[in-house]
Structure formats: structure tokens, C-alpha cells
Amino acid sequence: MLKHYNHIIWDWNGTLFNDVEMCRSIINGLLEKNGYGILSLERYREIFTFPVKDYYAAAGVDFNRNPFEVIGKEWADEYEVRRHESDLFEQVETVLSRVQQLGIKQYILSAYVKKELTEIIDNHGLTGYFEEINGLEDVYAHSKLELGLSLVERLGDGKRSAVLVGDTLHDYEVAKEMGIDCILTAAGHQSRHRLEAAGVPVFDSINDFVAHLE
């Protein structure tokens, strides 16, 4: 059993929404088009990070040849075209429903652009589970920390019983700055052994995490 939480703040991409293979496919298309080597799934999960500019650099992109602002926009445009290729992780709605039944308030905190984030959550019929949907204003995904700090301000004393659930070390870093607990799931954009370096609980899936809430 984990401690009791009144507020669960969910990351979206790689936590509730399984877009890992699609994201790898898109970056590989851009890498190949520009003469760089492509990434295996294992390599992708070893180098993916925030800010995403650092991940592009680790993938071998030369920003003198391919400015980040250009290749980053190409990636984001392709993601919007192909986003319907991906789907929720298994049993996401069951998990969200169970958390709601437990009386826990739920929020989204994402580095995805808010307009598209809100649309895709609504398309999956999940909007009603969340008190708030928080996303960034541009496609370059610098950081969601500012959004997180603003959210915990609104929670006030509630932050003492809040947890951020994500799939990357960046989620852990954001939670730490927010002053709240963090839980990580190993089914997303970073490998389990990278996540375990954070020293917080790591679950194989959100289903496993929610089972420990009861």
C-alpha cells in the first residue's frame, strides 16, 4: 500500500497515452531523411529526455545543418498528422474510473500543446475524469515546470497529499520542484533502469500503481 493521496497529477504522453513507437517512428523518419542513423527502441528509451533539444542532440542531430526550431516543428507537424495511430495504454479508462471512485481528484500536466492535448483527451472520452488539463503553449516542449508550480499553488495545502505520475526523469524533476511525491511507470519513453535512478517507486504500468492505492 502507498500513502493516501487526494490528488493525482497524470502525465499524458507515455503515461496514459501510448505513443512511444509512433514517436520513435517520427524521429527515425527525420533522422533518415537528413542522413543520420536511426534509433532502436532500446536506444530511443535510453536517450529520450527533456528539454527535447538535448534528446535531438543525443540522437546525432547537427543543429548547424538542421536547426532545432525547424526539425522540432517538422516533428510536431508529423505528430499531429499521425497521432491517431496511437492509443491509450490498456485499461486507462478503468484506472481513471477507479481512482475517481476512490474520491481522488485527477489532473493532467503535460509538455504537449494544450489545444491538441485537450482535443485528444476529449476524443477519447476522458475529459470528465480531470479537474484540470494543463499543457504548453508551443510545440518546442521546453518544460512543464511552470505549469506544475502554478497547479500546486492552486492546490494550496492539498499539495501535501498530491502525487505526480509520469514516465520520465523529467516528471520526477518537476514533482521535486513542485514539492510533491512522484511515481514512475516503466512502460513509456524511458527505460526502467533510468527511472530507478530517481529513487522513487517505479511500476510496470499504471494498473500496478492503482492496485497499490487500494
N, C-alpha and C. Protein backbone atom coordinates (compact mmCIF):
# COMPACT_ATOMS: atom_id res chain seq x y z
N MET A 1 0.84 -1.20 0.00
CA MET A 1 0.00 0.00 0.00
C MET A 1 0.88 1.25 0.00
N LEU A 2 0.49 2.21 -0.82
CA LEU A 2 1.13 3.52 -0.81
C LEU A 2 0.39 4.42 0.16
N LYS A 3 0.97 5.58 0.47
CA LYS A 3 0.28 6.54 1.31
C LYS A 3 -1.00 7.00 0.62
N HIS A 4 -1.91 7.56 1.37
CA HIS A 4 -3.17 8.02 0.78
C HIS A 4 -2.95 9.35 0.06
N TYR A 5 -3.45 9.43 -1.16
CA TYR A 5 -3.38 10.67 -1.93
C TYR A 5 -4.78 11.20 -2.20
N ASN A 6 -4.91 12.52 -2.16
CA ASN A 6 -6.17 13.17 -2.52
C ASN A 6 -6.14 13.74 -3.94
N HIS A 7 -4.92 13.89 -4.48
CA HIS A 7 -4.76 14.48 -5.80
C HIS A 7 -3.74 13.66 -6.59
N ILE A 8 -4.12 13.17 -7.76
CA ILE A 8 -3.18 12.51 -8.67
C ILE A 8 -3.03 13.38 -9.92
N ILE A 9 -1.80 13.75 -10.20
CA ILE A 9 -1.48 14.57 -11.37
C ILE A 9 -0.82 13.65 -12.39
N TRP A 10 -1.52 13.40 -13.49
CA TRP A 10 -1.04 12.48 -14.50
C TRP A 10 -0.26 13.19 -15.60
N ASP A 11 0.87 12.65 -15.99
CA ASP A 11 1.47 12.99 -17.27
C ASP A 11 0.60 12.33 -18.35
N TRP A 12 0.70 12.81 -19.57
CA TRP A 12 -0.12 12.25 -20.65
C TRP A 12 0.67 11.30 -21.55
N ASN A 13 1.60 11.87 -22.34
CA ASN A 13 2.34 11.07 -23.32
C ASN A 13 3.26 10.06 -22.65
N GLY A 14 3.06 8.79 -22.94
CA GLY A 14 3.91 7.75 -22.37
C GLY A 14 3.44 7.25 -21.01
N THR A 15 2.43 7.92 -20.44
CA THR A 15 1.88 7.50 -19.15
C THR A 15 0.46 6.98 -19.32
N LEU A 16 -0.42 7.82 -19.86
CA LEU A 16 -1.78 7.38 -20.18
C LEU A 16 -1.92 7.06 -21.67
N PHE A 17 -1.17 7.79 -22.49
CA PHE A 17 -1.26 7.67 -23.95
C PHE A 17 -0.01 7.00 -24.48
N ASN A 18 -0.18 5.85 -25.13
CA ASN A 18 0.95 5.05 -25.57
C ASN A 18 1.41 5.45 -26.98
N ASP A 19 2.24 6.48 -27.03
CA ASP A 19 2.72 6.98 -28.32
C ASP A 19 4.21 6.72 -28.52
N VAL A 20 4.78 5.80 -27.76
CA VAL A 20 6.23 5.58 -27.80
C VAL A 20 6.70 5.15 -29.19
N GLU A 21 6.07 4.12 -29.75
CA GLU A 21 6.50 3.63 -31.06
C GLU A 21 6.28 4.67 -32.15
N MET A 22 5.19 5.40 -32.06
CA MET A 22 4.95 6.42 -33.07
C MET A 22 5.99 7.54 -32.99
N CYS A 23 6.32 7.95 -31.78
CA CYS A 23 7.34 9.00 -31.60
C CYS A 23 8.69 8.54 -32.15
N ARG A 24 9.03 7.29 -31.90
CA ARG A 24 10.29 6.76 -32.43
C ARG A 24 10.25 6.71 -33.95
N SER A 25 9.13 6.32 -34.50
CA SER A 25 8.99 6.26 -35.95
C SER A 25 9.16 7.64 -36.59
N ILE A 26 8.59 8.65 -35.95
CA ILE A 26 8.68 10.01 -36.50
C ILE A 26 10.11 10.52 -36.45
N ILE A 27 10.78 10.36 -35.30
CA ILE A 27 12.16 10.85 -35.23
C ILE A 27 13.05 10.07 -36.19
N ASN A 28 12.81 8.78 -36.33
CA ASN A 28 13.62 7.99 -37.27
C ASN A 28 13.42 8.45 -38.71
N GLY A 29 12.20 8.83 -39.06
CA GLY A 29 11.95 9.36 -40.39
C GLY A 29 12.73 10.63 -40.66
N LEU A 30 12.78 11.51 -39.66
CA LEU A 30 13.53 12.76 -39.79
C LEU A 30 15.03 12.51 -39.81
N LEU A 31 15.49 11.60 -38.96
CA LEU A 31 16.92 11.28 -38.93
C LEU A 31 17.36 10.70 -40.27
N GLU A 32 16.58 9.76 -40.78
CA GLU A 32 16.95 9.11 -42.04
C GLU A 32 16.93 10.11 -43.20
N LYS A 33 15.92 10.97 -43.22
CA LYS A 33 15.79 11.97 -44.29
C LYS A 33 16.99 12.92 -44.33
N ASN A 34 17.56 13.18 -43.14
CA ASN A 34 18.66 14.14 -43.04
C ASN A 34 20.03 13.48 -42.94
N GLY A 35 20.08 12.16 -43.19
CA GLY A 35 21.37 11.48 -43.27
C GLY A 35 21.96 11.02 -41.96
N TYR A 36 21.12 10.90 -40.91
CA TYR A 36 21.58 10.41 -39.61
C TYR A 36 21.15 8.95 -39.43
N GLY A 37 21.78 8.26 -38.48
CA GLY A 37 21.39 6.90 -38.16
C GLY A 37 20.08 6.86 -37.39
N ILE A 38 19.32 5.78 -37.56
CA ILE A 38 18.04 5.67 -36.87
C ILE A 38 18.22 5.01 -35.51
N LEU A 39 17.17 5.10 -34.69
CA LEU A 39 17.23 4.64 -33.30
C LEU A 39 16.45 3.34 -33.12
N SER A 40 17.06 2.37 -32.46
CA SER A 40 16.31 1.20 -31.99
C SER A 40 15.42 1.64 -30.83
N LEU A 41 14.44 0.83 -30.47
CA LEU A 41 13.58 1.17 -29.33
C LEU A 41 14.41 1.29 -28.07
N GLU A 42 15.34 0.38 -27.87
CA GLU A 42 16.19 0.43 -26.67
C GLU A 42 16.99 1.72 -26.63
N ARG A 43 17.59 2.10 -27.75
CA ARG A 43 18.38 3.34 -27.80
C ARG A 43 17.49 4.55 -27.59
N TYR A 44 16.32 4.55 -28.20
CA TYR A 44 15.37 5.65 -28.02
C TYR A 44 15.07 5.87 -26.54
N ARG A 45 14.77 4.79 -25.82
CA ARG A 45 14.39 4.90 -24.41
C ARG A 45 15.59 5.24 -23.52
N GLU A 46 16.79 5.04 -24.05
CA GLU A 46 18.00 5.41 -23.30
C GLU A 46 18.34 6.89 -23.45
N ILE A 47 17.95 7.52 -24.56
CA ILE A 47 18.37 8.92 -24.78
C ILE A 47 17.22 9.92 -24.69
N PHE A 48 15.97 9.46 -24.71
CA PHE A 48 14.87 10.42 -24.67
C PHE A 48 14.93 11.24 -23.39
N THR A 49 14.78 12.55 -23.52
CA THR A 49 14.87 13.42 -22.35
C THR A 49 14.22 14.76 -22.63
N PHE A 50 14.09 15.57 -21.60
CA PHE A 50 13.67 16.96 -21.72
C PHE A 50 14.80 17.84 -21.19
N PRO A 51 15.02 19.02 -21.78
CA PRO A 51 14.31 19.52 -22.96
C PRO A 51 14.59 18.65 -24.18
N VAL A 52 13.64 18.60 -25.10
CA VAL A 52 13.77 17.68 -26.23
C VAL A 52 14.94 18.04 -27.14
N LYS A 53 15.40 19.28 -27.05
CA LYS A 53 16.58 19.66 -27.84
C LYS A 53 17.77 18.79 -27.46
N ASP A 54 17.90 18.46 -26.19
CA ASP A 54 19.00 17.60 -25.73
C ASP A 54 18.87 16.18 -26.30
N TYR A 55 17.65 15.72 -26.41
CA TYR A 55 17.39 14.39 -26.98
C TYR A 55 17.75 14.37 -28.47
N TYR A 56 17.40 15.42 -29.19
CA TYR A 56 17.77 15.50 -30.60
C TYR A 56 19.29 15.48 -30.75
N ALA A 57 19.97 16.22 -29.88
CA ALA A 57 21.44 16.24 -29.93
C ALA A 57 22.01 14.85 -29.67
N ALA A 58 21.44 14.15 -28.69
CA ALA A 58 21.91 12.79 -28.38
C ALA A 58 21.63 11.83 -29.54
N ALA A 59 20.61 12.12 -30.32
CA ALA A 59 20.29 11.30 -31.49
C ALA A 59 21.23 11.59 -32.66
N GLY A 60 22.08 12.61 -32.49
CA GLY A 60 23.08 12.90 -33.51
C GLY A 60 22.78 14.09 -34.40
N VAL A 61 21.69 14.81 -34.13
CA VAL A 61 21.32 15.94 -34.98
C VAL A 61 22.34 17.08 -34.84
N ASP A 62 22.83 17.57 -35.95
CA ASP A 62 23.74 18.71 -36.01
C ASP A 62 22.88 19.95 -36.25
N PHE A 63 22.77 20.81 -35.22
CA PHE A 63 21.87 21.95 -35.33
C PHE A 63 22.38 23.03 -36.28
N ASN A 64 23.64 22.96 -36.66
CA ASN A 64 24.13 23.86 -37.71
C ASN A 64 23.53 23.48 -39.06
N ARG A 65 23.35 22.18 -39.27
CA ARG A 65 22.73 21.69 -40.50
C ARG A 65 21.21 21.71 -40.42
N ASN A 66 20.71 21.34 -39.27
CA ASN A 66 19.26 21.20 -39.08
C ASN A 66 18.87 21.93 -37.80
N PRO A 67 18.57 23.23 -37.88
CA PRO A 67 18.22 24.00 -36.68
C PRO A 67 17.08 23.34 -35.91
N PHE A 68 17.20 23.36 -34.59
CA PHE A 68 16.19 22.71 -33.75
C PHE A 68 14.80 23.26 -34.03
N GLU A 69 14.70 24.57 -34.22
CA GLU A 69 13.39 25.19 -34.45
C GLU A 69 12.73 24.62 -35.70
N VAL A 70 13.54 24.23 -36.68
CA VAL A 70 12.99 23.67 -37.92
C VAL A 70 12.64 22.19 -37.76
N ILE A 71 13.61 21.40 -37.30
CA ILE A 71 13.37 19.96 -37.20
C ILE A 71 12.36 19.65 -36.09
N GLY A 72 12.36 20.48 -35.03
CA GLY A 72 11.37 20.31 -33.97
C GLY A 72 9.95 20.57 -34.47
N LYS A 73 9.81 21.58 -35.31
CA LYS A 73 8.49 21.89 -35.90
C LYS A 73 8.07 20.79 -36.86
N GLU A 74 9.02 20.25 -37.64
CA GLU A 74 8.71 19.14 -38.55
C GLU A 74 8.20 17.94 -37.76
N TRP A 75 8.86 17.66 -36.63
CA TRP A 75 8.44 16.53 -35.79
C TRP A 75 7.02 16.76 -35.28
N ALA A 76 6.77 17.96 -34.76
CA ALA A 76 5.46 18.26 -34.19
C ALA A 76 4.36 18.21 -35.25
N ASP A 77 4.65 18.71 -36.43
CA ASP A 77 3.66 18.66 -37.51
C ASP A 77 3.33 17.22 -37.89
N GLU A 78 4.37 16.38 -37.97
CA GLU A 78 4.16 14.97 -38.31
C GLU A 78 3.39 14.25 -37.20
N TYR A 79 3.66 14.62 -35.95
CA TYR A 79 2.94 14.02 -34.82
C TYR A 79 1.45 14.30 -34.96
N GLU A 80 1.10 15.54 -35.29
CA GLU A 80 -0.32 15.88 -35.41
C GLU A 80 -1.00 15.10 -36.53
N VAL A 81 -0.27 14.88 -37.63
CA VAL A 81 -0.82 14.11 -38.74
C VAL A 81 -1.05 12.66 -38.33
N ARG A 82 -0.14 12.12 -37.52
CA ARG A 82 -0.15 10.68 -37.24
C ARG A 82 -0.66 10.30 -35.85
N ARG A 83 -1.05 11.27 -35.05
CA ARG A 83 -1.35 10.97 -33.64
C ARG A 83 -2.44 9.92 -33.47
N HIS A 84 -3.33 9.79 -34.46
CA HIS A 84 -4.42 8.81 -34.34
C HIS A 84 -3.92 7.37 -34.54
N GLU A 85 -2.62 7.22 -34.89
CA GLU A 85 -2.04 5.88 -34.97
C GLU A 85 -1.84 5.28 -33.58
N SER A 86 -1.77 6.14 -32.57
CA SER A 86 -1.52 5.68 -31.20
C SER A 86 -2.82 5.65 -30.41
N ASP A 87 -2.77 4.96 -29.28
CA ASP A 87 -3.98 4.81 -28.47
C ASP A 87 -3.59 4.86 -27.00
N LEU A 88 -4.59 4.83 -26.14
CA LEU A 88 -4.36 4.77 -24.71
C LEU A 88 -3.68 3.45 -24.34
N PHE A 89 -2.93 3.47 -23.24
CA PHE A 89 -2.47 2.20 -22.67
C PHE A 89 -3.69 1.38 -22.26
N GLU A 90 -3.51 0.08 -22.15
CA GLU A 90 -4.62 -0.81 -21.79
C GLU A 90 -5.23 -0.40 -20.46
N GLN A 91 -6.55 -0.41 -20.42
CA GLN A 91 -7.35 -0.20 -19.20
C GLN A 91 -7.20 1.19 -18.59
N VAL A 92 -6.80 2.18 -19.38
CA VAL A 92 -6.66 3.53 -18.83
C VAL A 92 -7.99 4.04 -18.27
N GLU A 93 -9.07 3.88 -19.02
CA GLU A 93 -10.34 4.40 -18.52
C GLU A 93 -10.78 3.66 -17.26
N THR A 94 -10.50 2.37 -17.18
CA THR A 94 -10.80 1.61 -15.97
C THR A 94 -10.02 2.16 -14.78
N VAL A 95 -8.75 2.48 -15.01
CA VAL A 95 -7.90 3.04 -13.96
C VAL A 95 -8.42 4.40 -13.51
N LEU A 96 -8.73 5.28 -14.47
CA LEU A 96 -9.21 6.62 -14.12
C LEU A 96 -10.54 6.54 -13.38
N SER A 97 -11.39 5.62 -13.80
CA SER A 97 -12.68 5.44 -13.15
C SER A 97 -12.50 4.96 -11.71
N ARG A 98 -11.57 4.03 -11.51
CA ARG A 98 -11.32 3.51 -10.17
C ARG A 98 -10.78 4.59 -9.26
N VAL A 99 -9.86 5.40 -9.77
CA VAL A 99 -9.30 6.50 -8.98
C VAL A 99 -10.42 7.48 -8.60
N GLN A 100 -11.29 7.76 -9.55
CA GLN A 100 -12.42 8.65 -9.29
C GLN A 100 -13.32 8.07 -8.20
N GLN A 101 -13.56 6.75 -8.25
CA GLN A 101 -14.39 6.08 -7.24
C GLN A 101 -13.77 6.17 -5.85
N LEU A 102 -12.44 6.23 -5.82
CA LEU A 102 -11.74 6.35 -4.53
C LEU A 102 -11.81 7.77 -3.97
N GLY A 103 -12.43 8.69 -4.73
CA GLY A 103 -12.58 10.06 -4.27
C GLY A 103 -11.33 10.92 -4.47
N ILE A 104 -10.43 10.46 -5.33
CA ILE A 104 -9.19 11.18 -5.58
C ILE A 104 -9.38 12.09 -6.80
N LYS A 105 -9.01 13.35 -6.66
CA LYS A 105 -9.12 14.29 -7.78
C LYS A 105 -7.95 14.08 -8.74
N GLN A 106 -8.23 14.23 -10.04
CA GLN A 106 -7.22 13.93 -11.06
C GLN A 106 -6.99 15.14 -11.98
N TYR A 107 -5.75 15.27 -12.40
CA TYR A 107 -5.31 16.39 -13.23
C TYR A 107 -4.37 15.87 -14.31
N ILE A 108 -4.26 16.61 -15.41
CA ILE A 108 -3.25 16.34 -16.43
C ILE A 108 -2.22 17.46 -16.40
N LEU A 109 -0.94 17.06 -16.43
CA LEU A 109 0.17 18.01 -16.54
C LEU A 109 1.08 17.49 -17.63
N SER A 110 1.15 18.21 -18.75
CA SER A 110 1.81 17.66 -19.93
C SER A 110 2.66 18.70 -20.66
N ALA A 111 3.71 18.20 -21.32
CA ALA A 111 4.53 19.04 -22.21
C ALA A 111 3.95 19.06 -23.62
N TYR A 112 2.76 18.51 -23.79
CA TYR A 112 2.07 18.54 -25.08
C TYR A 112 1.34 19.87 -25.20
N VAL A 113 1.16 20.34 -26.43
CA VAL A 113 0.48 21.62 -26.66
C VAL A 113 -0.98 21.51 -26.20
N LYS A 114 -1.42 22.50 -25.41
CA LYS A 114 -2.70 22.40 -24.71
C LYS A 114 -3.89 22.21 -25.65
N LYS A 115 -3.94 22.94 -26.74
CA LYS A 115 -5.09 22.86 -27.65
C LYS A 115 -5.27 21.42 -28.15
N GLU A 116 -4.18 20.82 -28.64
CA GLU A 116 -4.26 19.46 -29.16
C GLU A 116 -4.47 18.45 -28.04
N LEU A 117 -3.84 18.72 -26.88
CA LEU A 117 -3.99 17.84 -25.72
C LEU A 117 -5.45 17.74 -25.30
N THR A 118 -6.09 18.90 -25.18
CA THR A 118 -7.50 18.94 -24.78
C THR A 118 -8.37 18.20 -25.78
N GLU A 119 -8.05 18.39 -27.06
CA GLU A 119 -8.83 17.74 -28.12
C GLU A 119 -8.70 16.23 -28.08
N ILE A 120 -7.47 15.73 -27.93
CA ILE A 120 -7.28 14.28 -27.97
C ILE A 120 -7.85 13.60 -26.72
N ILE A 121 -7.76 14.27 -25.57
CA ILE A 121 -8.37 13.72 -24.35
C ILE A 121 -9.88 13.64 -24.51
N ASP A 122 -10.46 14.68 -25.09
CA ASP A 122 -11.90 14.70 -25.33
C ASP A 122 -12.31 13.62 -26.33
N ASN A 123 -11.50 13.43 -27.37
CA ASN A 123 -11.79 12.40 -28.37
C ASN A 123 -11.83 11.00 -27.76
N HIS A 124 -11.04 10.80 -26.70
CA HIS A 124 -11.03 9.50 -26.02
C HIS A 124 -12.08 9.41 -24.91
N GLY A 125 -12.88 10.47 -24.77
CA GLY A 125 -13.96 10.44 -23.79
C GLY A 125 -13.50 10.50 -22.35
N LEU A 126 -12.34 11.13 -22.10
CA LEU A 126 -11.76 11.13 -20.75
C LEU A 126 -11.89 12.47 -20.02
N THR A 127 -12.36 13.50 -20.70
CA THR A 127 -12.34 14.86 -20.13
C THR A 127 -12.98 14.92 -18.75
N GLY A 128 -14.07 14.20 -18.56
CA GLY A 128 -14.81 14.26 -17.31
C GLY A 128 -14.08 13.73 -16.10
N TYR A 129 -12.98 13.03 -16.31
CA TYR A 129 -12.22 12.50 -15.17
C TYR A 129 -11.30 13.54 -14.54
N PHE A 130 -11.05 14.65 -15.23
CA PHE A 130 -10.00 15.57 -14.80
C PHE A 130 -10.55 16.91 -14.32
N GLU A 131 -9.98 17.37 -13.20
CA GLU A 131 -10.29 18.70 -12.69
C GLU A 131 -9.70 19.77 -13.61
N GLU A 132 -8.49 19.51 -14.10
CA GLU A 132 -7.79 20.45 -14.98
C GLU A 132 -6.97 19.68 -16.01
N ILE A 133 -6.81 20.28 -17.18
CA ILE A 133 -5.90 19.77 -18.21
C ILE A 133 -4.88 20.87 -18.50
N ASN A 134 -3.63 20.62 -18.13
CA ASN A 134 -2.58 21.63 -18.26
C ASN A 134 -1.57 21.21 -19.32
N GLY A 135 -1.40 22.04 -20.36
CA GLY A 135 -0.43 21.77 -21.42
C GLY A 135 0.29 23.04 -21.81
N LEU A 136 1.34 22.89 -22.61
CA LEU A 136 2.16 24.03 -23.02
C LEU A 136 1.52 24.81 -24.16
N GLU A 137 2.10 25.99 -24.41
CA GLU A 137 1.53 26.87 -25.43
C GLU A 137 2.23 26.77 -26.78
N ASP A 138 3.37 26.05 -26.88
CA ASP A 138 4.06 25.94 -28.17
C ASP A 138 4.55 24.52 -28.39
N VAL A 139 5.14 24.27 -29.56
CA VAL A 139 5.49 22.90 -29.96
C VAL A 139 6.88 22.47 -29.51
N TYR A 140 7.65 23.37 -28.87
CA TYR A 140 9.05 23.04 -28.60
C TYR A 140 9.28 22.38 -27.25
N ALA A 141 8.25 22.27 -26.42
CA ALA A 141 8.27 21.45 -25.20
C ALA A 141 9.50 21.71 -24.34
N HIS A 142 9.70 22.99 -23.95
CA HIS A 142 10.86 23.32 -23.13
C HIS A 142 10.73 22.70 -21.73
N SER A 143 9.62 22.98 -21.04
CA SER A 143 9.41 22.41 -19.72
C SER A 143 7.98 22.65 -19.27
N LYS A 144 7.48 21.71 -18.49
CA LYS A 144 6.15 21.90 -17.92
C LYS A 144 6.22 22.33 -16.46
N LEU A 145 7.42 22.67 -15.98
CA LEU A 145 7.60 23.02 -14.58
C LEU A 145 6.75 24.21 -14.18
N GLU A 146 6.75 25.25 -15.01
CA GLU A 146 5.97 26.45 -14.68
C GLU A 146 4.50 26.12 -14.50
N LEU A 147 3.99 25.27 -15.38
CA LEU A 147 2.59 24.82 -15.25
C LEU A 147 2.38 24.06 -13.95
N GLY A 148 3.36 23.23 -13.59
CA GLY A 148 3.25 22.45 -12.37
C GLY A 148 3.27 23.31 -11.12
N LEU A 149 4.14 24.31 -11.11
CA LEU A 149 4.22 25.22 -9.96
C LEU A 149 2.92 26.00 -9.80
N SER A 150 2.35 26.40 -10.92
CA SER A 150 1.07 27.11 -10.88
C SER A 150 -0.04 26.19 -10.35
N LEU A 151 -0.01 24.94 -10.74
CA LEU A 151 -1.01 23.97 -10.28
C LEU A 151 -0.92 23.76 -8.78
N VAL A 152 0.28 23.57 -8.24
CA VAL A 152 0.37 23.32 -6.79
C VAL A 152 -0.01 24.57 -5.99
N GLU A 153 0.18 25.74 -6.57
CA GLU A 153 -0.31 26.96 -5.91
C GLU A 153 -1.82 26.89 -5.74
N ARG A 154 -2.49 26.45 -6.79
CA ARG A 154 -3.94 26.34 -6.73
C ARG A 154 -4.39 25.25 -5.76
N LEU A 155 -3.57 24.22 -5.61
CA LEU A 155 -3.91 23.14 -4.66
C LEU A 155 -3.76 23.59 -3.21
N GLY A 156 -2.88 24.57 -2.97
CA GLY A 156 -2.65 25.05 -1.61
C GLY A 156 -2.16 23.93 -0.71
N ASP A 157 -2.81 23.76 0.45
CA ASP A 157 -2.41 22.71 1.39
C ASP A 157 -2.61 21.31 0.81
N GLY A 158 -3.41 21.21 -0.24
CA GLY A 158 -3.67 19.92 -0.87
C GLY A 158 -2.43 19.29 -1.47
N LYS A 159 -1.39 20.09 -1.69
CA LYS A 159 -0.20 19.53 -2.31
C LYS A 159 0.47 18.49 -1.41
N ARG A 160 0.18 18.56 -0.11
CA ARG A 160 0.77 17.58 0.81
C ARG A 160 0.26 16.17 0.52
N SER A 161 -0.89 16.07 -0.10
CA SER A 161 -1.44 14.74 -0.43
C SER A 161 -1.57 14.57 -1.94
N ALA A 162 -0.61 15.17 -2.67
CA ALA A 162 -0.61 15.08 -4.14
C ALA A 162 0.57 14.25 -4.62
N VAL A 163 0.38 13.59 -5.76
CA VAL A 163 1.45 12.81 -6.38
C VAL A 163 1.41 13.03 -7.88
N LEU A 164 2.57 13.13 -8.49
CA LEU A 164 2.67 13.21 -9.95
C LEU A 164 3.04 11.82 -10.47
N VAL A 165 2.29 11.32 -11.42
CA VAL A 165 2.56 10.01 -12.03
C VAL A 165 3.03 10.24 -13.46
N GLY A 166 4.26 9.81 -13.77
CA GLY A 166 4.81 10.03 -15.10
C GLY A 166 5.69 8.88 -15.55
N ASP A 167 6.35 9.08 -16.69
CA ASP A 167 7.17 8.01 -17.27
C ASP A 167 8.59 8.44 -17.57
N THR A 168 9.00 9.64 -17.09
CA THR A 168 10.36 10.11 -17.37
C THR A 168 10.99 10.73 -16.12
N LEU A 169 12.31 10.83 -16.16
CA LEU A 169 13.02 11.51 -15.08
C LEU A 169 12.63 12.98 -15.00
N HIS A 170 12.23 13.56 -16.12
CA HIS A 170 11.76 14.94 -16.10
C HIS A 170 10.52 15.07 -15.23
N ASP A 171 9.64 14.07 -15.27
CA ASP A 171 8.47 14.09 -14.39
C ASP A 171 8.90 14.10 -12.93
N TYR A 172 9.90 13.30 -12.60
CA TYR A 172 10.43 13.29 -11.24
C TYR A 172 11.00 14.65 -10.87
N GLU A 173 11.76 15.26 -11.77
CA GLU A 173 12.36 16.58 -11.50
C GLU A 173 11.28 17.63 -11.29
N VAL A 174 10.24 17.58 -12.11
CA VAL A 174 9.13 18.52 -11.97
C VAL A 174 8.43 18.33 -10.63
N ALA A 175 8.15 17.08 -10.27
CA ALA A 175 7.48 16.79 -9.00
C ALA A 175 8.32 17.29 -7.82
N LYS A 176 9.62 17.10 -7.91
CA LYS A 176 10.52 17.54 -6.84
C LYS A 176 10.45 19.05 -6.66
N GLU A 177 10.47 19.78 -7.78
CA GLU A 177 10.38 21.24 -7.72
C GLU A 177 9.00 21.69 -7.22
N MET A 178 7.99 20.91 -7.53
CA MET A 178 6.63 21.22 -7.07
C MET A 178 6.47 20.91 -5.59
N GLY A 179 7.38 20.12 -5.03
CA GLY A 179 7.29 19.75 -3.62
C GLY A 179 6.29 18.66 -3.34
N ILE A 180 6.08 17.77 -4.33
CA ILE A 180 5.12 16.68 -4.15
C ILE A 180 5.79 15.34 -4.46
N ASP A 181 5.10 14.26 -4.11
CA ASP A 181 5.61 12.92 -4.39
C ASP A 181 5.58 12.63 -5.89
N CYS A 182 6.34 11.60 -6.27
CA CYS A 182 6.35 11.16 -7.67
C CYS A 182 6.31 9.64 -7.73
N ILE A 183 5.56 9.13 -8.67
CA ILE A 183 5.52 7.71 -9.01
C ILE A 183 5.83 7.61 -10.50
N LEU A 184 6.66 6.65 -10.88
CA LEU A 184 7.01 6.50 -12.29
C LEU A 184 6.55 5.15 -12.83
N THR A 185 6.18 5.12 -14.11
CA THR A 185 5.80 3.88 -14.76
C THR A 185 6.79 3.58 -15.89
N ALA A 186 7.13 2.31 -16.04
CA ALA A 186 8.23 1.92 -16.93
C ALA A 186 7.77 1.45 -18.30
N ALA A 187 6.55 1.84 -18.70
CA ALA A 187 6.03 1.41 -20.00
C ALA A 187 6.17 2.50 -21.06
N GLY A 188 6.77 3.64 -20.69
CA GLY A 188 6.77 4.78 -21.58
C GLY A 188 8.08 5.09 -22.28
N HIS A 189 8.47 6.37 -22.25
CA HIS A 189 9.56 6.86 -23.09
C HIS A 189 10.96 6.65 -22.52
N GLN A 190 11.08 6.20 -21.28
CA GLN A 190 12.40 5.93 -20.71
C GLN A 190 12.43 4.55 -20.07
N SER A 191 13.61 3.95 -20.05
CA SER A 191 13.78 2.58 -19.56
C SER A 191 13.67 2.52 -18.03
N ARG A 192 13.31 1.35 -17.54
CA ARG A 192 13.16 1.16 -16.10
C ARG A 192 14.45 1.50 -15.35
N HIS A 193 15.59 1.06 -15.87
CA HIS A 193 16.82 1.28 -15.09
C HIS A 193 17.16 2.77 -14.99
N ARG A 194 16.79 3.56 -16.01
CA ARG A 194 16.98 5.01 -15.90
C ARG A 194 16.05 5.58 -14.83
N LEU A 195 14.80 5.13 -14.83
CA LEU A 195 13.82 5.65 -13.88
C LEU A 195 14.19 5.29 -12.45
N GLU A 196 14.73 4.10 -12.25
CA GLU A 196 15.07 3.66 -10.89
C GLU A 196 16.14 4.53 -10.25
N ALA A 197 16.91 5.24 -11.07
CA ALA A 197 17.94 6.14 -10.54
C ALA A 197 17.33 7.29 -9.74
N ALA A 198 16.05 7.56 -9.95
CA ALA A 198 15.39 8.65 -9.23
C ALA A 198 15.12 8.31 -7.77
N GLY A 199 15.09 7.01 -7.45
CA GLY A 199 14.87 6.60 -6.07
C GLY A 199 13.43 6.71 -5.60
N VAL A 200 12.49 6.73 -6.56
CA VAL A 200 11.06 6.75 -6.21
C VAL A 200 10.44 5.45 -6.72
N PRO A 201 9.23 5.11 -6.27
CA PRO A 201 8.61 3.87 -6.74
C PRO A 201 8.44 3.85 -8.26
N VAL A 202 8.79 2.72 -8.88
CA VAL A 202 8.62 2.53 -10.32
C VAL A 202 7.73 1.30 -10.53
N PHE A 203 6.62 1.49 -11.22
CA PHE A 203 5.70 0.40 -11.51
C PHE A 203 5.76 0.04 -12.99
N ASP A 204 5.44 -1.21 -13.31
CA ASP A 204 5.44 -1.64 -14.70
C ASP A 204 4.33 -0.96 -15.50
N SER A 205 3.24 -0.61 -14.84
CA SER A 205 2.10 0.00 -15.53
C SER A 205 1.29 0.82 -14.54
N ILE A 206 0.39 1.65 -15.07
CA ILE A 206 -0.48 2.42 -14.18
C ILE A 206 -1.45 1.49 -13.46
N ASN A 207 -1.77 0.34 -14.05
CA ASN A 207 -2.64 -0.62 -13.37
C ASN A 207 -2.00 -1.10 -12.07
N ASP A 208 -0.70 -1.39 -12.13
CA ASP A 208 0.02 -1.84 -10.94
C ASP A 208 0.03 -0.74 -9.88
N PHE A 209 0.22 0.49 -10.32
CA PHE A 209 0.23 1.62 -9.39
C PHE A 209 -1.10 1.75 -8.67
N VAL A 210 -2.19 1.74 -9.42
CA VAL A 210 -3.51 1.94 -8.82
C VAL A 210 -3.88 0.79 -7.90
N ALA A 211 -3.42 -0.42 -8.21
CA ALA A 211 -3.67 -1.56 -7.33
C ALA A 211 -3.07 -1.33 -5.95
N HIS A 212 -1.98 -0.56 -5.89
CA HIS A 212 -1.33 -0.29 -4.61
C HIS A 212 -1.99 0.86 -3.86
N LEU A 213 -2.95 1.53 -4.48
CA LEU A 213 -3.68 2.60 -3.79
C LEU A 213 -4.79 2.04 -2.93
N GLU A 214 -5.21 0.82 -3.21
CA GLU A 214 -6.42 0.29 -2.57
C GLU A 214 -6.11 -0.51 -1.32
